[in-house]
Every structure is written in C-alpha cells, then in structure tokens.
Amino acid sequence: MAAPSMVFTARYAAKHLGVDLDVIEELAEEMAPEGGRLSVIDSLDDDAEAAIAFTRRGLDYLDELLDHRQWDFMGKN
C-alpha cells in the first residue's frame, strides 16, 4: 500500500461528514495512527499545539465510528 500523499484537517472532516468539529475531535481520541489519525506540528517548541489530521483511510474510519455511534444512540447495538 502506498504512503498517504495528503492529509485532511479535523475541520475538513467535520464539514465532509456533516458533524460538529467537537464530535470529530472526540472520535479522534479513539483512533491511532494505524487508523488514519495523525498529529501535525509546526514548531519545535515544547508547548507547541498539534493539529489533528486524517488520511483518506482515517476519513473512512471516522465515518464508520459515526455510524456505530448513531446505531448505539438509537439502541440498535
């Protein structure tokens, strides 16, 4: 499998999937780099904040997590 050539911001993911940014950030906590979640850092400072980004696979995984969340909410485990 080829390495990702681009990543998508959490803000893009929220707009693409039609949910609030807070939902994406919460779901991202459940994800690992293998699932398509990355951190982007633009400074070597110790207190630099990292931006959350997703590969195309990460966007697909977020969509799956949203589906599961919706099913759980509706009581259809």
PDB file of N, CA and C in Angstrom:
ATOM      1  N   MET A   1       0.845  -1.175   0.000  1.00  0.00           N
ATOM      2  CA  MET A   1       0.000   0.000   0.000  1.00  0.00           C
ATOM      3  C   MET A   1       0.895   1.245   0.000  1.00  0.00           C
ATOM      4  N   ALA A   2       0.575   2.210  -0.817  1.00  0.00           N
ATOM      5  CA  ALA A   2       1.355   3.436  -0.914  1.00  0.00           C
ATOM      6  C   ALA A   2       1.121   4.321   0.307  1.00  0.00           C
ATOM      7  N   ALA A   3       2.128   5.073   0.650  1.00  0.00           N
ATOM      8  CA  ALA A   3       2.012   6.012   1.764  1.00  0.00           C
ATOM      9  C   ALA A   3       1.085   7.157   1.367  1.00  0.00           C
ATOM     10  N   PRO A   4       0.343   7.716   2.335  1.00  0.00           N
ATOM     11  CA  PRO A   4      -0.553   8.841   2.024  1.00  0.00           C
ATOM     12  C   PRO A   4       0.244  10.043   1.509  1.00  0.00           C
ATOM     13  N   SER A   5      -0.298  10.709   0.517  1.00  0.00           N
ATOM     14  CA  SER A   5       0.361  11.890  -0.029  1.00  0.00           C
ATOM     15  C   SER A   5      -0.281  13.184   0.450  1.00  0.00           C
ATOM     16  N   MET A   6      -1.417  13.068   1.118  1.00  0.00           N
ATOM     17  CA  MET A   6      -2.065  14.248   1.684  1.00  0.00           C
ATOM     18  C   MET A   6      -2.880  13.842   2.905  1.00  0.00           C
ATOM     19  N   VAL A   7      -3.151  14.827   3.747  1.00  0.00           N
ATOM     20  CA  VAL A   7      -3.990  14.608   4.915  1.00  0.00           C
ATOM     21  C   VAL A   7      -5.055  15.686   4.957  1.00  0.00           C
ATOM     22  N   PHE A   8      -6.090  15.436   5.746  1.00  0.00           N
ATOM     23  CA  PHE A   8      -7.222  16.342   5.847  1.00  0.00           C
ATOM     24  C   PHE A   8      -7.365  16.811   7.289  1.00  0.00           C
ATOM     25  N   THR A   9      -7.653  18.071   7.487  1.00  0.00           N
ATOM     26  CA  THR A   9      -7.791  18.615   8.831  1.00  0.00           C
ATOM     27  C   THR A   9      -9.077  18.125   9.484  1.00  0.00           C
ATOM     28  N   ALA A  10      -9.120  18.261  10.786  1.00  0.00           N
ATOM     29  CA  ALA A  10     -10.327  17.909  11.534  1.00  0.00           C
ATOM     30  C   ALA A  10     -11.499  18.772  11.084  1.00  0.00           C
ATOM     31  N   ARG A  11     -11.227  20.036  10.790  1.00  0.00           N
ATOM     32  CA  ARG A  11     -12.294  20.928  10.316  1.00  0.00           C
ATOM     33  C   ARG A  11     -12.861  20.428   8.979  1.00  0.00           C
ATOM     34  N   TYR A  12     -11.970  19.991   8.085  1.00  0.00           N
ATOM     35  CA  TYR A  12     -12.426  19.424   6.812  1.00  0.00           C
ATOM     36  C   TYR A  12     -13.268  18.178   7.060  1.00  0.00           C
ATOM     37  N   ALA A  13     -12.792  17.297   7.942  1.00  0.00           N
ATOM     38  CA  ALA A  13     -13.510  16.061   8.243  1.00  0.00           C
ATOM     39  C   ALA A  13     -14.914  16.365   8.763  1.00  0.00           C
ATOM     40  N   ALA A  14     -15.025  17.351   9.652  1.00  0.00           N
ATOM     41  CA  ALA A  14     -16.335  17.711  10.213  1.00  0.00           C
ATOM     42  C   ALA A  14     -17.277  18.183   9.111  1.00  0.00           C
ATOM     43  N   LYS A  15     -16.777  19.039   8.239  1.00  0.00           N
ATOM     44  CA  LYS A  15     -17.618  19.552   7.159  1.00  0.00           C
ATOM     45  C   LYS A  15     -17.977  18.432   6.182  1.00  0.00           C
ATOM     46  N   HIS A  16     -17.003  17.603   5.839  1.00  0.00           N
ATOM     47  CA  HIS A  16     -17.205  16.494   4.900  1.00  0.00           C
ATOM     48  C   HIS A  16     -18.235  15.489   5.422  1.00  0.00           C
ATOM     49  N   LEU A  17     -18.193  15.225   6.726  1.00  0.00           N
ATOM     50  CA  LEU A  17     -19.093  14.238   7.329  1.00  0.00           C
ATOM     51  C   LEU A  17     -20.364  14.846   7.908  1.00  0.00           C
ATOM     52  N   GLY A  18     -20.469  16.170   7.890  1.00  0.00           N
ATOM     53  CA  GLY A  18     -21.691  16.843   8.330  1.00  0.00           C
ATOM     54  C   GLY A  18     -21.921  16.813   9.822  1.00  0.00           C
ATOM     55  N   VAL A  19     -20.836  16.905  10.615  1.00  0.00           N
ATOM     56  CA  VAL A  19     -20.954  16.910  12.073  1.00  0.00           C
ATOM     57  C   VAL A  19     -20.132  18.057  12.645  1.00  0.00           C
ATOM     58  N   ASP A  20     -20.338  18.324  13.929  1.00  0.00           N
ATOM     59  CA  ASP A  20     -19.582  19.382  14.601  1.00  0.00           C
ATOM     60  C   ASP A  20     -18.126  18.975  14.775  1.00  0.00           C
ATOM     61  N   LEU A  21     -17.261  19.955  14.790  1.00  0.00           N
ATOM     62  CA  LEU A  21     -15.839  19.737  14.996  1.00  0.00           C
ATOM     63  C   LEU A  21     -15.582  19.028  16.323  1.00  0.00           C
ATOM     64  N   ASP A  22     -16.373  19.345  17.346  1.00  0.00           N
ATOM     65  CA  ASP A  22     -16.222  18.698  18.655  1.00  0.00           C
ATOM     66  C   ASP A  22     -16.409  17.183  18.555  1.00  0.00           C
ATOM     67  N   VAL A  23     -17.327  16.748  17.723  1.00  0.00           N
ATOM     68  CA  VAL A  23     -17.582  15.312  17.541  1.00  0.00           C
ATOM     69  C   VAL A  23     -16.359  14.654  16.909  1.00  0.00           C
ATOM     70  N   ILE A  24     -15.801  15.291  15.902  1.00  0.00           N
ATOM     71  CA  ILE A  24     -14.611  14.748  15.234  1.00  0.00           C
ATOM     72  C   ILE A  24     -13.453  14.659  16.215  1.00  0.00           C
ATOM     73  N   GLU A  25     -13.242  15.702  17.004  1.00  0.00           N
ATOM     74  CA  GLU A  25     -12.141  15.689  17.971  1.00  0.00           C
ATOM     75  C   GLU A  25     -12.337  14.589  19.018  1.00  0.00           C
ATOM     76  N   GLU A  26     -13.572  14.362  19.431  1.00  0.00           N
ATOM     77  CA  GLU A  26     -13.858  13.301  20.398  1.00  0.00           C
ATOM     78  C   GLU A  26     -13.589  11.920  19.789  1.00  0.00           C
ATOM     79  N   LEU A  27     -14.044  11.703  18.569  1.00  0.00           N
ATOM     80  CA  LEU A  27     -13.817  10.428  17.898  1.00  0.00           C
ATOM     81  C   LEU A  27     -12.335  10.196  17.623  1.00  0.00           C
ATOM     82  N   ALA A  28     -11.613  11.258  17.342  1.00  0.00           N
ATOM     83  CA  ALA A  28     -10.186  11.152  17.046  1.00  0.00           C
ATOM     84  C   ALA A  28      -9.411  10.590  18.228  1.00  0.00           C
ATOM     85  N   GLU A  29      -9.905  10.821  19.432  1.00  0.00           N
ATOM     86  CA  GLU A  29      -9.238  10.295  20.625  1.00  0.00           C
ATOM     87  C   GLU A  29      -9.240   8.769  20.637  1.00  0.00           C
ATOM     88  N   GLU A  30     -10.193   8.151  19.941  1.00  0.00           N
ATOM     89  CA  GLU A  30     -10.297   6.697  19.878  1.00  0.00           C
ATOM     90  C   GLU A  30      -9.421   6.105  18.778  1.00  0.00           C
ATOM     91  N   MET A  31      -8.810   6.963  17.971  1.00  0.00           N
ATOM     92  CA  MET A  31      -8.078   6.496  16.806  1.00  0.00           C
ATOM     93  C   MET A  31      -6.567   6.495  17.044  1.00  0.00           C
ATOM     94  N   ALA A  32      -5.893   5.631  16.316  1.00  0.00           N
ATOM     95  CA  ALA A  32      -4.434   5.543  16.342  1.00  0.00           C
ATOM     96  C   ALA A  32      -3.908   5.899  14.947  1.00  0.00           C
ATOM     97  N   PRO A  33      -2.620   6.128  14.833  1.00  0.00           N
ATOM     98  CA  PRO A  33      -2.056   6.414  13.503  1.00  0.00           C
ATOM     99  C   PRO A  33      -2.395   5.321  12.477  1.00  0.00           C
ATOM    100  N   GLU A  34      -2.441   4.073  12.920  1.00  0.00           N
ATOM    101  CA  GLU A  34      -2.775   2.979  12.007  1.00  0.00           C
ATOM    102  C   GLU A  34      -4.186   3.115  11.458  1.00  0.00           C
ATOM    103  N   GLY A  35      -5.049   3.811  12.190  1.00  0.00           N
ATOM    104  CA  GLY A  35      -6.423   4.039  11.751  1.00  0.00           C
ATOM    105  C   GLY A  35      -6.577   5.274  10.894  1.00  0.00           C
ATOM    106  N   GLY A  36      -5.484   5.999  10.687  1.00  0.00           N
ATOM    107  CA  GLY A  36      -5.533   7.166   9.818  1.00  0.00           C
ATOM    108  C   GLY A  36      -5.553   8.501  10.520  1.00  0.00           C
ATOM    109  N   ARG A  37      -5.250   8.537  11.812  1.00  0.00           N
ATOM    110  CA  ARG A  37      -5.189   9.793  12.555  1.00  0.00           C
ATOM    111  C   ARG A  37      -3.734  10.189  12.739  1.00  0.00           C
ATOM    112  N   LEU A  38      -3.419  11.430  12.433  1.00  0.00           N
ATOM    113  CA  LEU A  38      -2.062  11.945  12.577  1.00  0.00           C
ATOM    114  C   LEU A  38      -2.087  13.257  13.344  1.00  0.00           C
ATOM    115  N   SER A  39      -0.945  13.618  13.878  1.00  0.00           N
ATOM    116  CA  SER A  39      -0.776  14.925  14.504  1.00  0.00           C
ATOM    117  C   SER A  39       0.201  15.727  13.655  1.00  0.00           C
ATOM    118  N   VAL A  40      -0.140  16.987  13.422  1.00  0.00           N
ATOM    119  CA  VAL A  40       0.703  17.872  12.627  1.00  0.00           C
ATOM    120  C   VAL A  40       1.212  18.965  13.547  1.00  0.00           C
ATOM    121  N   ILE A  41       2.524  19.097  13.611  1.00  0.00           N
ATOM    122  CA  ILE A  41       3.145  20.081  14.490  1.00  0.00           C
ATOM    123  C   ILE A  41       3.969  21.026  13.632  1.00  0.00           C
ATOM    124  N   ASP A  42       3.815  22.324  13.853  1.00  0.00           N
ATOM    125  CA  ASP A  42       4.563  23.269  13.031  1.00  0.00           C
ATOM    126  C   ASP A  42       5.633  24.036  13.809  1.00  0.00           C
ATOM    127  N   SER A  43       6.013  23.501  14.959  1.00  0.00           N
ATOM    128  CA  SER A  43       7.023  24.170  15.774  1.00  0.00           C
ATOM    129  C   SER A  43       7.758  23.145  16.625  1.00  0.00           C
ATOM    130  N   LEU A  44       8.994  23.416  16.929  1.00  0.00           N
ATOM    131  CA  LEU A  44       9.765  22.545  17.810  1.00  0.00           C
ATOM    132  C   LEU A  44       9.667  22.982  19.270  1.00  0.00           C
ATOM    133  N   ASP A  45       8.890  24.022  19.539  1.00  0.00           N
ATOM    134  CA  ASP A  45       8.696  24.485  20.910  1.00  0.00           C
ATOM    135  C   ASP A  45       8.046  23.387  21.745  1.00  0.00           C
ATOM    136  N   ASP A  46       8.445  23.307  23.010  1.00  0.00           N
ATOM    137  CA  ASP A  46       7.890  22.293  23.905  1.00  0.00           C
ATOM    138  C   ASP A  46       6.388  22.434  24.102  1.00  0.00           C
ATOM    139  N   ASP A  47       5.882  23.657  24.000  1.00  0.00           N
ATOM    140  CA  ASP A  47       4.454  23.885  24.234  1.00  0.00           C
ATOM    141  C   ASP A  47       3.653  24.025  22.934  1.00  0.00           C
ATOM    142  N   ALA A  48       4.227  23.589  21.825  1.00  0.00           N
ATOM    143  CA  ALA A  48       3.540  23.687  20.536  1.00  0.00           C
ATOM    144  C   ALA A  48       2.299  22.792  20.521  1.00  0.00           C
ATOM    145  N   GLU A  49       1.223  23.323  19.998  1.00  0.00           N
ATOM    146  CA  GLU A  49      -0.005  22.548  19.876  1.00  0.00           C
ATOM    147  C   GLU A  49       0.027  21.742  18.590  1.00  0.00           C
ATOM    148  N   ALA A  50      -0.563  20.582  18.635  1.00  0.00           N
ATOM    149  CA  ALA A  50      -0.649  19.730  17.449  1.00  0.00           C
ATOM    150  C   ALA A  50      -2.042  19.833  16.844  1.00  0.00           C
ATOM    151  N   ALA A  51      -2.098  19.901  15.538  1.00  0.00           N
ATOM    152  CA  ALA A  51      -3.375  19.877  14.835  1.00  0.00           C
ATOM    153  C   ALA A  51      -3.675  18.427  14.463  1.00  0.00           C
ATOM    154  N   ILE A  52      -4.928  18.046  14.573  1.00  0.00           N
ATOM    155  CA  ILE A  52      -5.348  16.699  14.206  1.00  0.00           C
ATOM    156  C   ILE A  52      -5.571  16.663  12.694  1.00  0.00           C
ATOM    157  N   ALA A  53      -5.081  15.597  12.071  1.00  0.00           N
ATOM    158  CA  ALA A  53      -5.286  15.409  10.636  1.00  0.00           C
ATOM    159  C   ALA A  53      -5.596  13.937  10.369  1.00  0.00           C
ATOM    160  N   PHE A  54      -6.214  13.694   9.238  1.00  0.00           N
ATOM    161  CA  PHE A  54      -6.638  12.341   8.883  1.00  0.00           C
ATOM    162  C   PHE A  54      -6.227  12.007   7.457  1.00  0.00           C
ATOM    163  N   THR A  55      -5.825  10.767   7.255  1.00  0.00           N
ATOM    164  CA  THR A  55      -5.607  10.267   5.908  1.00  0.00           C
ATOM    165  C   THR A  55      -6.970   9.945   5.305  1.00  0.00           C
ATOM    166  N   ARG A  56      -6.990   9.569   4.034  1.00  0.00           N
ATOM    167  CA  ARG A  56      -8.254   9.161   3.405  1.00  0.00           C
ATOM    168  C   ARG A  56      -8.842   7.968   4.172  1.00  0.00           C
ATOM    169  N   ARG A  57      -7.977   7.037   4.578  1.00  0.00           N
ATOM    170  CA  ARG A  57      -8.428   5.894   5.375  1.00  0.00           C
ATOM    171  C   ARG A  57      -9.012   6.379   6.704  1.00  0.00           C
ATOM    172  N   GLY A  58      -8.408   7.404   7.286  1.00  0.00           N
ATOM    173  CA  GLY A  58      -8.910   7.966   8.533  1.00  0.00           C
ATOM    174  C   GLY A  58     -10.298   8.550   8.381  1.00  0.00           C
ATOM    175  N   LEU A  59     -10.553   9.216   7.245  1.00  0.00           N
ATOM    176  CA  LEU A  59     -11.893   9.756   6.997  1.00  0.00           C
ATOM    177  C   LEU A  59     -12.920   8.623   6.914  1.00  0.00           C
ATOM    178  N   ASP A  60     -12.539   7.538   6.243  1.00  0.00           N
ATOM    179  CA  ASP A  60     -13.439   6.386   6.147  1.00  0.00           C
ATOM    180  C   ASP A  60     -13.708   5.785   7.529  1.00  0.00           C
ATOM    181  N   TYR A  61     -12.660   5.702   8.339  1.00  0.00           N
ATOM    182  CA  TYR A  61     -12.812   5.152   9.684  1.00  0.00           C
ATOM    183  C   TYR A  61     -13.692   6.054  10.553  1.00  0.00           C
ATOM    184  N   LEU A  62     -13.520   7.367  10.434  1.00  0.00           N
ATOM    185  CA  LEU A  62     -14.390   8.297  11.152  1.00  0.00           C
ATOM    186  C   LEU A  62     -15.845   8.069  10.770  1.00  0.00           C
ATOM    187  N   ASP A  63     -16.099   7.863   9.487  1.00  0.00           N
ATOM    188  CA  ASP A  63     -17.458   7.612   9.015  1.00  0.00           C
ATOM    189  C   ASP A  63     -18.024   6.344   9.660  1.00  0.00           C
ATOM    190  N   GLU A  64     -17.190   5.301   9.778  1.00  0.00           N
ATOM    191  CA  GLU A  64     -17.616   4.068  10.449  1.00  0.00           C
ATOM    192  C   GLU A  64     -17.925   4.324  11.925  1.00  0.00           C
ATOM    193  N   LEU A  65     -17.050   5.088  12.584  1.00  0.00           N
ATOM    194  CA  LEU A  65     -17.281   5.397  14.001  1.00  0.00           C
ATOM    195  C   LEU A  65     -18.576   6.170  14.190  1.00  0.00           C
ATOM    196  N   LEU A  66     -18.870   7.083  13.270  1.00  0.00           N
ATOM    197  CA  LEU A  66     -20.124   7.842  13.346  1.00  0.00           C
ATOM    198  C   LEU A  66     -21.324   6.921  13.161  1.00  0.00           C
ATOM    199  N   ASP A  67     -21.222   5.966  12.232  1.00  0.00           N
ATOM    200  CA  ASP A  67     -22.311   5.003  12.029  1.00  0.00           C
ATOM    201  C   ASP A  67     -22.554   4.196  13.301  1.00  0.00           C
ATOM    202  N   HIS A  68     -21.472   3.731  13.919  1.00  0.00           N
ATOM    203  CA  HIS A  68     -21.596   2.941  15.155  1.00  0.00           C
ATOM    204  C   HIS A  68     -22.221   3.785  16.260  1.00  0.00           C
ATOM    205  N   ARG A  69     -21.789   5.038  16.350  1.00  0.00           N
ATOM    206  CA  ARG A  69     -22.328   5.924  17.380  1.00  0.00           C
ATOM    207  C   ARG A  69     -23.818   6.135  17.173  1.00  0.00           C
ATOM    208  N   GLN A  70     -24.214   6.300  15.918  1.00  0.00           N
ATOM    209  CA  GLN A  70     -25.632   6.509  15.621  1.00  0.00           C
ATOM    210  C   GLN A  70     -26.446   5.261  15.972  1.00  0.00           C
ATOM    211  N   TRP A  71     -25.935   4.092  15.625  1.00  0.00           N
ATOM    212  CA  TRP A  71     -26.627   2.847  15.954  1.00  0.00           C
ATOM    213  C   TRP A  71     -26.732   2.686  17.464  1.00  0.00           C
ATOM    214  N   ASP A  72     -25.667   2.991  18.188  1.00  0.00           N
ATOM    215  CA  ASP A  72     -25.700   2.896  19.647  1.00  0.00           C
ATOM    216  C   ASP A  72     -26.714   3.859  20.229  1.00  0.00           C
ATOM    217  N   PHE A  73     -26.767   5.066  19.693  1.00  0.00           N
ATOM    218  CA  PHE A  73     -27.705   6.088  20.171  1.00  0.00           C
ATOM    219  C   PHE A  73     -29.146   5.650  19.955  1.00  0.00           C
ATOM    220  N   MET A  74     -29.378   4.983  18.845  1.00  0.00           N
ATOM    221  CA  MET A  74     -30.732   4.543  18.514  1.00  0.00           C
ATOM    222  C   MET A  74     -31.072   3.223  19.219  1.00  0.00           C
ATOM    223  N   GLY A  75     -30.122   2.665  19.971  1.00  0.00           N
ATOM    224  CA  GLY A  75     -30.382   1.448  20.703  1.00  0.00           C
ATOM    225  C   GLY A  75     -30.400   0.201  19.836  1.00  0.00           C
ATOM    226  N   LYS A  76     -29.682   0.276  18.714  1.00  0.00           N
ATOM    227  CA  LYS A  76     -29.675  -0.863  17.790  1.00  0.00           C
ATOM    228  C   LYS A  76     -28.287  -1.496  17.760  1.00  0.00           C
ATOM    229  N   ASN A  77     -27.735  -1.777  18.929  1.00  0.00           N
ATOM    230  CA  ASN A  77     -26.397  -2.369  19.018  1.00  0.00           C
ATOM    231  C   ASN A  77     -26.362  -3.554  18.133  1.00  0.00           C
TER     232      ASN A  77
END
